[in-house]
Amino acid sequence: MDLYMPQCSGLELAAVIRQQHAYVSIPLVFLSTETNINQHLHALQIGGDDFLTKPIATKQLVTSITA
């Protein structure tokens, strides 16, 4: 998911998802143009499993979501 979405931020949505027991095991991968490492780390701290930066190579994306 992106950090910047129209209705809520990806960080807000990730926090809500991680609070729902039924969705705890669903992998959350952030995909954004954000290059600030502190934002990446924050996303991972609130429950993201990976943070990828756009543009992204197809092989890197596939590797991340199948790992």
Foldseek 3Di string as FASTA:
>chain_A
DEQDDDPHGPQVVLLVQCVDPVRVPPAAEYEYQDDPVVVQVSSVVSRHPYYHHPPDDPVVVVVVVVD
